[in-house]
Full PDB file with SEQRES, HELIX, SHEET, SSBOND, CRYST1, ORIGX, SCALE, CONECT and MASTER records, all heavy atoms in Angstrom:
SEQRES   1 A   40  GLU LEU VAL ALA ARG ILE THR ARG SER GLY SER THR ASN          
SEQRES   2 A   40  TYR ALA GLY SER VAL LYS GLY ARG PHE THR ILE SER ARG          
SEQRES   3 A   40  ASP ASN ALA LYS ASN THR ALA TYR LEU GLN MET ASN SER          
SEQRES   4 A   40  LEU                                                          
SHEET    1 AA1 2 ALA A   4  ILE A   6  0                                        
SHEET    2 AA1 2 THR A  12  TYR A  14 -1                                        
SHEET    1 AA2 2 PHE A  22  ASP A  27  0                                        
SHEET    2 AA2 2 THR A  32  MET A  37 -1                                        
CRYST1    1.000    1.000    1.000  90.00  90.00  90.00 P 1           1          
ORIGX1      1.000000  0.000000  0.000000        0.00000                         
ORIGX2      0.000000  1.000000  0.000000        0.00000                         
ORIGX3      0.000000  0.000000  1.000000        0.00000                         
SCALE1      1.000000  0.000000  0.000000        0.00000                         
SCALE2      0.000000  1.000000  0.000000        0.00000                         
SCALE3      0.000000  0.000000  1.000000        0.00000                         
ATOM      1  N   GLU A   1    -157.468 230.447 -98.031  1.00  0.00           N  
ATOM      2  CA  GLU A   1    -158.262 230.821 -99.183  1.00  0.00           C  
ATOM      3  C   GLU A   1    -159.476 229.950 -99.303  1.00  0.00           C  
ATOM      4  O   GLU A   1    -159.368 228.705 -99.211  1.00  0.00           O  
ATOM      5  CB  GLU A   1    -157.382 230.648-100.475  1.00  0.00           C  
ATOM      6  CG  GLU A   1    -158.095 230.752-101.758  1.00  0.00           C  
ATOM      7  CD  GLU A   1    -157.325 230.246-102.962  1.00  0.00           C  
ATOM      8  OE1 GLU A   1    -156.525 229.394-102.766  1.00  0.00           O  
ATOM      9  OE2 GLU A   1    -157.598 230.725-104.089  1.00  0.00           O  
ATOM     10  N   LEU A   2    -160.634 230.581 -99.519  1.00  0.00           N  
ATOM     11  CA  LEU A   2    -161.839 229.798 -99.644  1.00  0.00           C  
ATOM     12  C   LEU A   2    -161.763 229.072-100.998  1.00  0.00           C  
ATOM     13  O   LEU A   2    -161.506 229.635-102.053  1.00  0.00           O  
ATOM     14  CB  LEU A   2    -163.075 230.707 -99.684  1.00  0.00           C  
ATOM     15  CG  LEU A   2    -164.396 230.003 -99.948  1.00  0.00           C  
ATOM     16  CD1 LEU A   2    -164.728 228.993 -98.854  1.00  0.00           C  
ATOM     17  CD2 LEU A   2    -165.508 231.054-100.158  1.00  0.00           C  
ATOM     18  N   VAL A   3    -161.998 227.750-100.985  1.00  0.00           N  
ATOM     19  CA  VAL A   3    -161.988 226.912-102.200  1.00  0.00           C  
ATOM     20  C   VAL A   3    -163.362 226.717-102.727  1.00  0.00           C  
ATOM     21  O   VAL A   3    -163.646 226.932-103.847  1.00  0.00           O  
ATOM     22  CB  VAL A   3    -161.303 225.557-101.899  1.00  0.00           C  
ATOM     23  CG1 VAL A   3    -161.321 224.680-103.117  1.00  0.00           C  
ATOM     24  CG2 VAL A   3    -159.858 225.735-101.385  1.00  0.00           C  
ATOM     25  N   ALA A   4    -164.261 226.231-101.856  1.00  0.00           N  
ATOM     26  CA  ALA A   4    -165.627 225.931-102.237  1.00  0.00           C  
ATOM     27  C   ALA A   4    -166.487 225.849-101.013  1.00  0.00           C  
ATOM     28  O   ALA A   4    -166.021 225.511 -99.907  1.00  0.00           O  
ATOM     29  CB  ALA A   4    -165.708 224.595-103.011  1.00  0.00           C  
ATOM     30  N   ARG A   5    -167.791 226.136-101.227  1.00  0.00           N  
ATOM     31  CA  ARG A   5    -168.734 226.050-100.116  1.00  0.00           C  
ATOM     32  C   ARG A   5    -170.058 225.607-100.667  1.00  0.00           C  
ATOM     33  O   ARG A   5    -170.357 225.815-101.835  1.00  0.00           O  
ATOM     34  CB  ARG A   5    -168.846 227.355 -99.337  1.00  0.00           C  
ATOM     35  CG  ARG A   5    -169.374 228.511-100.144  1.00  0.00           C  
ATOM     36  CD  ARG A   5    -169.291 229.742 -99.371  1.00  0.00           C  
ATOM     37  NE  ARG A   5    -169.686 230.929-100.190  1.00  0.00           N  
ATOM     38  CZ  ARG A   5    -169.591 232.172 -99.729  1.00  0.00           C  
ATOM     39  NH1 ARG A   5    -169.105 232.429 -98.536  1.00  0.00           N  
ATOM     40  NH2 ARG A   5    -169.958 233.194-100.477  1.00  0.00           N  
ATOM     41  N   ILE A   6    -170.851 225.007 -99.783  1.00  0.00           N  
ATOM     42  CA  ILE A   6    -172.197 224.511-100.156  1.00  0.00           C  
ATOM     43  C   ILE A   6    -173.114 224.758 -99.005  1.00  0.00           C  
ATOM     44  O   ILE A   6    -172.772 224.442 -97.834  1.00  0.00           O  
ATOM     45  CB  ILE A   6    -172.108 223.030-100.622  1.00  0.00           C  
ATOM     46  CG1 ILE A   6    -173.497 222.568-101.105  1.00  0.00           C  
ATOM     47  CG2 ILE A   6    -171.615 222.101 -99.512  1.00  0.00           C  
ATOM     48  CD1 ILE A   6    -173.430 221.209-101.781  1.00  0.00           C  
ATOM     49  N   THR A   7    -174.301 225.206 -99.326  1.00  0.00           N  
ATOM     50  CA  THR A   7    -175.333 225.392 -98.238  1.00  0.00           C  
ATOM     51  C   THR A   7    -176.117 224.115 -98.061  1.00  0.00           C  
ATOM     52  O   THR A   7    -175.995 223.166 -98.858  1.00  0.00           O  
ATOM     53  CB  THR A   7    -176.269 226.530 -98.612  1.00  0.00           C  
ATOM     54  OG1 THR A   7    -177.055 226.095 -99.753  1.00  0.00           O  
ATOM     55  CG2 THR A   7    -175.548 227.789 -98.949  1.00  0.00           C  
ATOM     56  N   ARG A   8    -176.942 224.142 -97.032  1.00  0.00           N  
ATOM     57  CA  ARG A   8    -177.741 222.955 -96.796  1.00  0.00           C  
ATOM     58  C   ARG A   8    -178.647 222.582 -97.893  1.00  0.00           C  
ATOM     59  O   ARG A   8    -178.997 221.481 -98.190  1.00  0.00           O  
ATOM     60  CB  ARG A   8    -178.574 223.157 -95.503  1.00  0.00           C  
ATOM     61  CG  ARG A   8    -179.225 221.861 -94.951  1.00  0.00           C  
ATOM     62  CD  ARG A   8    -179.803 222.099 -93.602  1.00  0.00           C  
ATOM     63  NE  ARG A   8    -180.248 220.822 -92.991  1.00  0.00           N  
ATOM     64  CZ  ARG A   8    -179.436 220.022 -92.335  1.00  0.00           C  
ATOM     65  NH1 ARG A   8    -178.200 220.367 -92.110  1.00  0.00           N  
ATOM     66  NH2 ARG A   8    -179.887 218.903 -91.829  1.00  0.00           N  
ATOM     67  N   SER A   9    -179.103 223.663 -98.616  1.00  0.00           N  
ATOM     68  CA  SER A   9    -180.039 223.462 -99.769  1.00  0.00           C  
ATOM     69  C   SER A   9    -179.336 223.098-101.038  1.00  0.00           C  
ATOM     70  O   SER A   9    -179.951 222.809-102.010  1.00  0.00           O  
ATOM     71  CB  SER A   9    -180.868 224.716 -99.990  1.00  0.00           C  
ATOM     72  OG  SER A   9    -180.038 225.836-100.317  1.00  0.00           O  
ATOM     73  N   GLY A  10    -178.006 223.168-101.022  1.00  0.00           N  
ATOM     74  CA  GLY A  10    -177.199 222.726-102.193  1.00  0.00           C  
ATOM     75  C   GLY A  10    -176.637 223.801-103.007  1.00  0.00           C  
ATOM     76  O   GLY A  10    -175.994 223.523-104.069  1.00  0.00           O  
ATOM     77  N   SER A  11    -176.840 225.079-102.670  1.00  0.00           N  
ATOM     78  CA  SER A  11    -176.207 226.165-103.419  1.00  0.00           C  
ATOM     79  C   SER A  11    -174.717 226.138-103.211  1.00  0.00           C  
ATOM     80  O   SER A  11    -174.212 225.888-102.099  1.00  0.00           O  
ATOM     81  CB  SER A  11    -176.750 227.529-102.914  1.00  0.00           C  
ATOM     82  OG  SER A  11    -178.143 227.565-103.208  1.00  0.00           O  
ATOM     83  N   THR A  12    -173.953 226.353-104.291  1.00  0.00           N  
ATOM     84  CA  THR A  12    -172.506 226.230-104.214  1.00  0.00           C  
ATOM     85  C   THR A  12    -171.786 227.519-104.694  1.00  0.00           C  
ATOM     86  O   THR A  12    -172.345 228.297-105.491  1.00  0.00           O  
ATOM     87  CB  THR A  12    -172.010 225.075-105.084  1.00  0.00           C  
ATOM     88  OG1 THR A  12    -172.446 225.241-106.437  1.00  0.00           O  
ATOM     89  CG2 THR A  12    -172.557 223.788-104.608  1.00  0.00           C  
ATOM     90  N   ASN A  13    -170.585 227.696-104.256  1.00  0.00           N  
ATOM     91  CA  ASN A  13    -169.697 228.804-104.688  1.00  0.00           C  
ATOM     92  C   ASN A  13    -168.306 228.219-104.790  1.00  0.00           C  
ATOM     93  O   ASN A  13    -167.909 227.371-103.939  1.00  0.00           O  
ATOM     94  CB  ASN A  13    -169.717 229.981-103.729  1.00  0.00           C  
ATOM     95  CG  ASN A  13    -171.015 230.701-103.716  1.00  0.00           C  
ATOM     96  OD1 ASN A  13    -171.869 230.499-102.884  1.00  0.00           O  
ATOM     97  ND2 ASN A  13    -171.164 231.569-104.735  1.00  0.00           N  
ATOM     98  N   TYR A  14    -167.541 228.674-105.731  1.00  0.00           N  
ATOM     99  CA  TYR A  14    -166.158 228.199-105.941  1.00  0.00           C  
ATOM    100  C   TYR A  14    -165.216 229.398-106.150  1.00  0.00           C  
ATOM    101  O   TYR A  14    -165.574 230.415-106.672  1.00  0.00           O  
ATOM    102  CB  TYR A  14    -166.038 227.294-107.209  1.00  0.00           C  
ATOM    103  CG  TYR A  14    -166.885 226.049-107.113  1.00  0.00           C  
ATOM    104  CD1 TYR A  14    -168.162 226.016-107.595  1.00  0.00           C  
ATOM    105  CD2 TYR A  14    -166.355 224.873-106.570  1.00  0.00           C  
ATOM    106  CE1 TYR A  14    -168.913 224.850-107.529  1.00  0.00           C  
ATOM    107  CE2 TYR A  14    -167.061 223.738-106.504  1.00  0.00           C  
ATOM    108  CZ  TYR A  14    -168.355 223.714-106.986  1.00  0.00           C  
ATOM    109  OH  TYR A  14    -169.100 222.546-106.904  1.00  0.00           O  
ATOM    110  N   ALA A  15    -163.961 229.167-105.706  1.00  0.00           N  
ATOM    111  CA  ALA A  15    -162.925 230.118-106.070  1.00  0.00           C  
ATOM    112  C   ALA A  15    -162.723 230.040-107.584  1.00  0.00           C  
ATOM    113  O   ALA A  15    -162.842 228.978-108.174  1.00  0.00           O  
ATOM    114  CB  ALA A  15    -161.627 229.745-105.328  1.00  0.00           C  
ATOM    115  N   GLY A  16    -162.372 231.195-108.167  1.00  0.00           N  
ATOM    116  CA  GLY A  16    -162.189 231.215-109.582  1.00  0.00           C  
ATOM    117  C   GLY A  16    -161.065 230.283-110.094  1.00  0.00           C  
ATOM    118  O   GLY A  16    -161.190 229.704-111.190  1.00  0.00           O  
ATOM    119  N   SER A  17    -160.089 230.046-109.235  1.00  0.00           N  
ATOM    120  CA  SER A  17    -158.985 229.196-109.637  1.00  0.00           C  
ATOM    121  C   SER A  17    -159.310 227.735-109.727  1.00  0.00           C  
ATOM    122  O   SER A  17    -158.583 226.913-110.312  1.00  0.00           O  
ATOM    123  CB  SER A  17    -157.792 229.386-108.666  1.00  0.00           C  
ATOM    124  OG  SER A  17    -158.234 229.048-107.329  1.00  0.00           O  
ATOM    125  N   VAL A  18    -160.452 227.340-109.132  1.00  0.00           N  
ATOM    126  CA  VAL A  18    -160.808 225.903-109.138  1.00  0.00           C  
ATOM    127  C   VAL A  18    -162.109 225.604-109.890  1.00  0.00           C  
ATOM    128  O   VAL A  18    -162.489 224.484-110.129  1.00  0.00           O  
ATOM    129  CB  VAL A  18    -160.951 225.309-107.727  1.00  0.00           C  
ATOM    130  CG1 VAL A  18    -159.705 225.645-106.890  1.00  0.00           C  
ATOM    131  CG2 VAL A  18    -162.152 225.882-106.993  1.00  0.00           C  
ATOM    132  N   LYS A  19    -162.784 226.672-110.306  1.00  0.00           N  
ATOM    133  CA  LYS A  19    -164.099 226.506-111.010  1.00  0.00           C  
ATOM    134  C   LYS A  19    -163.900 225.674-112.236  1.00  0.00           C  
ATOM    135  O   LYS A  19    -162.968 225.903-113.036  1.00  0.00           O  
ATOM    136  CB  LYS A  19    -164.655 227.906-111.302  1.00  0.00           C  
ATOM    137  CG  LYS A  19    -166.128 227.881-111.663  1.00  0.00           C  
ATOM    138  CD  LYS A  19    -166.654 229.284-111.802  1.00  0.00           C  
ATOM    139  CE  LYS A  19    -166.630 230.002-110.410  1.00  0.00           C  
ATOM    140  NZ  LYS A  19    -167.242 231.422-110.449  1.00  0.00           N  
ATOM    141  N   GLY A  20    -164.750 224.731-112.383  1.00  0.00           N  
ATOM    142  CA  GLY A  20    -164.677 223.835-113.551  1.00  0.00           C  
ATOM    143  C   GLY A  20    -163.798 222.562-113.321  1.00  0.00           C  
ATOM    144  O   GLY A  20    -163.834 221.675-114.098  1.00  0.00           O  
ATOM    145  N   ARG A  21    -163.016 222.604-112.226  1.00  0.00           N  
ATOM    146  CA  ARG A  21    -162.173 221.442-111.911  1.00  0.00           C  
ATOM    147  C   ARG A  21    -162.579 220.734-110.628  1.00  0.00           C  
ATOM    148  O   ARG A  21    -162.444 219.559-110.471  1.00  0.00           O  
ATOM    149  CB  ARG A  21    -160.739 221.917-111.786  1.00  0.00           C  
ATOM    150  CG  ARG A  21    -160.144 222.501-113.068  1.00  0.00           C  
ATOM    151  CD  ARG A  21    -158.632 222.826-112.897  1.00  0.00           C  
ATOM    152  NE  ARG A  21    -158.350 223.780-111.878  1.00  0.00           N  
ATOM    153  CZ  ARG A  21    -157.577 223.501-110.826  1.00  0.00           C  
ATOM    154  NH1 ARG A  21    -157.039 222.269-110.664  1.00  0.00           N  
ATOM    155  NH2 ARG A  21    -157.329 224.431-109.906  1.00  0.00           N  
ATOM    156  N   PHE A  22    -163.111 221.476-109.662  1.00  0.00           N  
ATOM    157  CA  PHE A  22    -163.460 220.999-108.368  1.00  0.00           C  
ATOM    158  C   PHE A  22    -165.052 221.003-108.294  1.00  0.00           C  
ATOM    159  O   PHE A  22    -165.703 221.885-108.812  1.00  0.00           O  
ATOM    160  CB  PHE A  22    -162.941 221.831-107.216  1.00  0.00           C  
ATOM    161  CG  PHE A  22    -161.474 221.767-107.048  1.00  0.00           C  
ATOM    162  CD1 PHE A  22    -160.602 221.159-107.972  1.00  0.00           C  
ATOM    163  CD2 PHE A  22    -160.891 222.321-105.879  1.00  0.00           C  
ATOM    164  CE1 PHE A  22    -159.241 221.154-107.738  1.00  0.00           C  
ATOM    165  CE2 PHE A  22    -159.551 222.248-105.657  1.00  0.00           C  
ATOM    166  CZ  PHE A  22    -158.693 221.670-106.606  1.00  0.00           C  
ATOM    167  N   THR A  23    -165.576 219.984-107.571  1.00  0.00           N  
ATOM    168  CA  THR A  23    -166.975 219.903-107.346  1.00  0.00           C  
ATOM    169  C   THR A  23    -167.231 219.575-105.888  1.00  0.00           C  
ATOM    170  O   THR A  23    -166.717 218.610-105.382  1.00  0.00           O  
ATOM    171  CB  THR A  23    -167.618 218.849-108.216  1.00  0.00           C  
ATOM    172  OG1 THR A  23    -167.396 219.123-109.605  1.00  0.00           O  
ATOM    173  CG2 THR A  23    -169.149 218.804-108.020  1.00  0.00           C  
ATOM    174  N   ILE A  24    -168.038 220.441-105.271  1.00  0.00           N  
ATOM    175  CA  ILE A  24    -168.407 220.196-103.847  1.00  0.00           C  
ATOM    176  C   ILE A  24    -169.806 219.614-103.820  1.00  0.00           C  
ATOM    177  O   ILE A  24    -170.732 220.010-104.636  1.00  0.00           O  
ATOM    178  CB  ILE A  24    -168.301 221.474-103.018  1.00  0.00           C  
ATOM    179  CG1 ILE A  24    -168.451 221.151-101.515  1.00  0.00           C  
ATOM    180  CG2 ILE A  24    -169.285 222.527-103.457  1.00  0.00           C  
ATOM    181  CD1 ILE A  24    -168.094 222.324-100.619  1.00  0.00           C  
ATOM    182  N   SER A  25    -170.007 218.722-102.918  1.00  0.00           N  
ATOM    183  CA  SER A  25    -171.353 218.113-102.770  1.00  0.00           C  
ATOM    184  C   SER A  25    -171.538 217.744-101.290  1.00  0.00           C  
ATOM    185  O   SER A  25    -170.579 217.832-100.530  1.00  0.00           O  
ATOM    186  CB  SER A  25    -171.538 216.853-103.605  1.00  0.00           C  
ATOM    187  OG  SER A  25    -170.560 215.880-103.288  1.00  0.00           O  
ATOM    188  N   ARG A  26    -172.766 217.361-100.911  1.00  0.00           N  
ATOM    189  CA  ARG A  26    -172.979 216.943 -99.529  1.00  0.00           C  
ATOM    190  C   ARG A  26    -174.060 215.961 -99.421  1.00  0.00           C  
ATOM    191  O   ARG A  26    -174.997 216.029-100.241  1.00  0.00           O  
ATOM    192  CB  ARG A  26    -173.219 218.213 -98.600  1.00  0.00           C  
ATOM    193  CG  ARG A  26    -174.494 218.947 -98.878  1.00  0.00           C  
ATOM    194  CD  ARG A  26    -174.529 220.227 -98.060  1.00  0.00           C  
ATOM    195  NE  ARG A  26    -174.815 220.043 -96.679  1.00  0.00           N  
ATOM    196  CZ  ARG A  26    -174.801 221.032 -95.788  1.00  0.00           C  
ATOM    197  NH1 ARG A  26    -174.493 222.265 -96.159  1.00  0.00           N  
ATOM    198  NH2 ARG A  26    -175.130 220.797 -94.486  1.00  0.00           N  
ATOM    199  N   ASP A  27    -173.958 215.125 -98.463  1.00  0.00           N  
ATOM    200  CA  ASP A  27    -175.017 214.104 -98.167  1.00  0.00           C  
ATOM    201  C   ASP A  27    -175.548 214.492 -96.830  1.00  0.00           C  
ATOM    202  O   ASP A  27    -174.914 214.198 -95.741  1.00  0.00           O  
ATOM    203  CB  ASP A  27    -174.422 212.722 -98.203  1.00  0.00           C  
ATOM    204  CG  ASP A  27    -175.454 211.646 -98.001  1.00  0.00           C  
ATOM    205  OD1 ASP A  27    -176.528 211.954 -97.389  1.00  0.00           O  
ATOM    206  OD2 ASP A  27    -175.210 210.508 -98.410  1.00  0.00           O  
ATOM    207  N   ASN A  28    -176.703 215.151 -96.751  1.00  0.00           N  
ATOM    208  CA  ASN A  28    -177.240 215.594 -95.493  1.00  0.00           C  
ATOM    209  C   ASN A  28    -177.634 214.438 -94.553  1.00  0.00           C  
ATOM    210  O   ASN A  28    -177.530 214.543 -93.355  1.00  0.00           O  
ATOM    211  CB  ASN A  28    -178.441 216.509 -95.712  1.00  0.00           C  
ATOM    212  CG  ASN A  28    -178.078 217.878 -96.318  1.00  0.00           C  
ATOM    213  OD1 ASN A  28    -176.978 218.411 -96.068  1.00  0.00           O  
ATOM    214  ND2 ASN A  28    -178.931 218.427 -97.107  1.00  0.00           N  
ATOM    215  N   ALA A  29    -177.991 213.294 -95.141  1.00  0.00           N  
ATOM    216  CA  ALA A  29    -178.339 212.152 -94.340  1.00  0.00           C  
ATOM    217  C   ALA A  29    -177.150 211.628 -93.621  1.00  0.00           C  
ATOM    218  O   ALA A  29    -177.249 211.041 -92.502  1.00  0.00           O  
ATOM    219  CB  ALA A  29    -178.967 211.088 -95.185  1.00  0.00           C  
ATOM    220  N   LYS A  30    -175.943 211.745 -94.260  1.00  0.00           N  
ATOM    221  CA  LYS A  30    -174.712 211.283 -93.601  1.00  0.00           C  
ATOM    222  C   LYS A  30    -173.899 212.431 -92.955  1.00  0.00           C  
ATOM    223  O   LYS A  30    -172.818 212.187 -92.376  1.00  0.00           O  
ATOM    224  CB  LYS A  30    -173.817 210.629 -94.678  1.00  0.00           C  
ATOM    225  CG  LYS A  30    -174.413 209.329 -95.277  1.00  0.00           C  
ATOM    226  CD  LYS A  30    -173.466 208.684 -96.223  1.00  0.00           C  
ATOM    227  CE  LYS A  30    -174.032 207.397 -96.792  1.00  0.00           C  
ATOM    228  NZ  LYS A  30    -173.090 206.794 -97.756  1.00  0.00           N  
ATOM    229  N   ASN A  31    -174.404 213.639 -93.010  1.00  0.00           N  
ATOM    230  CA  ASN A  31    -173.744 214.801 -92.473  1.00  0.00           C  
ATOM    231  C   ASN A  31    -172.318 214.920 -92.960  1.00  0.00           C  
ATOM    232  O   ASN A  31    -171.414 215.178 -92.199  1.00  0.00           O  
ATOM    233  CB  ASN A  31    -173.799 214.736 -90.901  1.00  0.00           C  
ATOM    234  CG  ASN A  31    -175.178 214.644 -90.415  1.00  0.00           C  
ATOM    235  OD1 ASN A  31    -176.075 215.443 -90.715  1.00  0.00           O  
ATOM    236  ND2 ASN A  31    -175.453 213.538 -89.648  1.00  0.00           N  
ATOM    237  N   THR A  32    -172.138 214.657 -94.216  1.00  0.00           N  
ATOM    238  CA  THR A  32    -170.862 214.617 -94.820  1.00  0.00           C  
ATOM    239  C   THR A  32    -170.831 215.447 -96.074  1.00  0.00           C  
ATOM    240  O   THR A  32    -171.714 215.442 -96.897  1.00  0.00           O  
ATOM    241  CB  THR A  32    -170.431 213.174 -95.169  1.00  0.00           C  
ATOM    242  OG1 THR A  32    -170.440 212.417 -93.966  1.00  0.00           O  
ATOM    243  CG2 THR A  32    -169.050 213.122 -95.804  1.00  0.00           C  
ATOM    244  N   ALA A  33    -169.708 216.215 -96.229  1.00  0.00           N  
ATOM    245  CA  ALA A  33    -169.438 216.986 -97.457  1.00  0.00           C  
ATOM    246  C   ALA A  33    -168.278 216.360 -98.189  1.00  0.00           C  
ATOM    247  O   ALA A  33    -167.417 215.726 -97.566  1.00  0.00           O  
ATOM    248  CB  ALA A  33    -169.181 218.420 -97.142  1.00  0.00           C  
ATOM    249  N   TYR A  34    -168.259 216.557 -99.505  1.00  0.00           N  
ATOM    250  CA  TYR A  34    -167.226 215.954-100.368  1.00  0.00           C  
ATOM    251  C   TYR A  34    -166.668 217.020-101.286  1.00  0.00           C  
ATOM    252  O   TYR A  34    -167.457 217.905-101.749  1.00  0.00           O  
ATOM    253  CB  TYR A  34    -167.770 214.823-101.227  1.00  0.00           C  
ATOM    254  CG  TYR A  34    -168.473 213.745-100.432  1.00  0.00           C  
ATOM    255  CD1 TYR A  34    -169.852 213.764-100.200  1.00  0.00           C  
ATOM    256  CD2 TYR A  34    -167.745 212.713 -99.876  1.00  0.00           C  
ATOM    257  CE1 TYR A  34    -170.500 212.764 -99.467  1.00  0.00           C  
ATOM    258  CE2 TYR A  34    -168.328 211.705 -99.105  1.00  0.00           C  
ATOM    259  CZ  TYR A  34    -169.761 211.732 -98.930  1.00  0.00           C  
ATOM    260  OH  TYR A  34    -170.361 210.769 -98.191  1.00  0.00           O  
ATOM    261  N   LEU A  35    -165.393 216.934-101.557  1.00  0.00           N  
ATOM    262  CA  LEU A  35    -164.786 217.810-102.533  1.00  0.00           C  
ATOM    263  C   LEU A  35    -164.031 216.962-103.550  1.00  0.00           C  
ATOM    264  O   LEU A  35    -163.001 216.382-103.238  1.00  0.00           O  
ATOM    265  CB  LEU A  35    -163.829 218.816-101.851  1.00  0.00           C  
ATOM    266  CG  LEU A  35    -163.204 219.860-102.811  1.00  0.00           C  
ATOM    267  CD1 LEU A  35    -164.284 220.823-103.300  1.00  0.00           C  
ATOM    268  CD2 LEU A  35    -162.079 220.647-102.099  1.00  0.00           C  
ATOM    269  N   GLN A  36    -164.608 216.841-104.753  1.00  0.00           N  
ATOM    270  CA  GLN A  36    -164.003 216.132-105.825  1.00  0.00           C  
ATOM    271  C   GLN A  36    -163.056 217.083-106.562  1.00  0.00           C  
ATOM    272  O   GLN A  36    -163.539 218.113-107.111  1.00  0.00           O  
ATOM    273  CB  GLN A  36    -165.026 215.558-106.743  1.00  0.00           C  
ATOM    274  CG  GLN A  36    -164.485 214.819-107.936  1.00  0.00           C  
ATOM    275  CD  GLN A  36    -163.754 213.532-107.546  1.00  0.00           C  
ATOM    276  OE1 GLN A  36    -164.271 212.759-106.689  1.00  0.00           O  
ATOM    277  NE2 GLN A  36    -162.611 213.285-108.157  1.00  0.00           N  
ATOM    278  N   MET A  37    -161.790 216.714-106.632  1.00  0.00           N  
ATOM    279  CA  MET A  37    -160.807 217.595-107.261  1.00  0.00           C  
ATOM    280  C   MET A  37    -160.229 216.892-108.445  1.00  0.00           C  
ATOM    281  O   MET A  37    -159.579 215.864-108.326  1.00  0.00           O  
ATOM    282  CB  MET A  37    -159.672 217.953-106.239  1.00  0.00           C  
ATOM    283  CG  MET A  37    -160.207 218.573-104.976  1.00  0.00           C  
ATOM    284  SD  MET A  37    -158.949 219.065-103.835  1.00  0.00           S  
ATOM    285  CE  MET A  37    -158.234 217.501-103.382  1.00  0.00           C  
ATOM    286  N   ASN A  38    -160.498 217.457-109.646  1.00  0.00           N  
ATOM    287  CA  ASN A  38    -159.964 216.886-110.889  1.00  0.00           C  
ATOM    288  C   ASN A  38    -158.998 217.834-111.518  1.00  0.00           C  
ATOM    289  O   ASN A  38    -158.914 219.011-111.183  1.00  0.00           O  
ATOM    290  CB  ASN A  38    -161.138 216.614-111.860  1.00  0.00           C  
ATOM    291  CG  ASN A  38    -162.143 215.616-111.326  1.00  0.00           C  
ATOM    292  OD1 ASN A  38    -161.784 214.686-110.580  1.00  0.00           O  
ATOM    293  ND2 ASN A  38    -163.432 215.783-111.654  1.00  0.00           N  
ATOM    294  N   SER A  39    -158.248 217.299-112.505  1.00  0.00           N  
ATOM    295  CA  SER A  39    -157.240 218.121-113.243  1.00  0.00           C  
ATOM    296  C   SER A  39    -156.416 218.945-112.312  1.00  0.00           C  
ATOM    297  O   SER A  39    -156.183 220.149-112.460  1.00  0.00           O  
ATOM    298  CB  SER A  39    -157.998 219.078-114.238  1.00  0.00           C  
ATOM    299  OG  SER A  39    -158.805 218.334-115.114  1.00  0.00           O  
ATOM    300  N   LEU A  40    -155.883 218.281-111.316  1.00  0.00           N  
ATOM    301  CA  LEU A  40    -155.096 218.929-110.279  1.00  0.00           C  
ATOM    302  C   LEU A  40    -153.840 219.514-110.862  1.00  0.00           C  
ATOM    303  O   LEU A  40    -153.180 218.956-111.726  1.00  0.00           O  
ATOM    304  CB  LEU A  40    -154.794 218.043-109.163  1.00  0.00           C  
ATOM    305  CG  LEU A  40    -155.983 217.822-108.200  1.00  0.00           C  
ATOM    306  CD1 LEU A  40    -155.827 216.499-107.389  1.00  0.00           C  
ATOM    307  CD2 LEU A  40    -156.127 218.988-107.276  1.00  0.00           C  
TER     308      LEU A  40                                                      
MASTER        0    0    0    0    4    0    0    6  307    1    0    4          
END                                                                             
């Protein structure tokens, strides 16, 4: 199941079940993406 995605420009999409609880971000300089999951 797709949880979240982020483009190089920073556009994001979330599954309805995690919207408002999960946050995806990325650091292009470090080539790293992060998924912060709250209210699990």
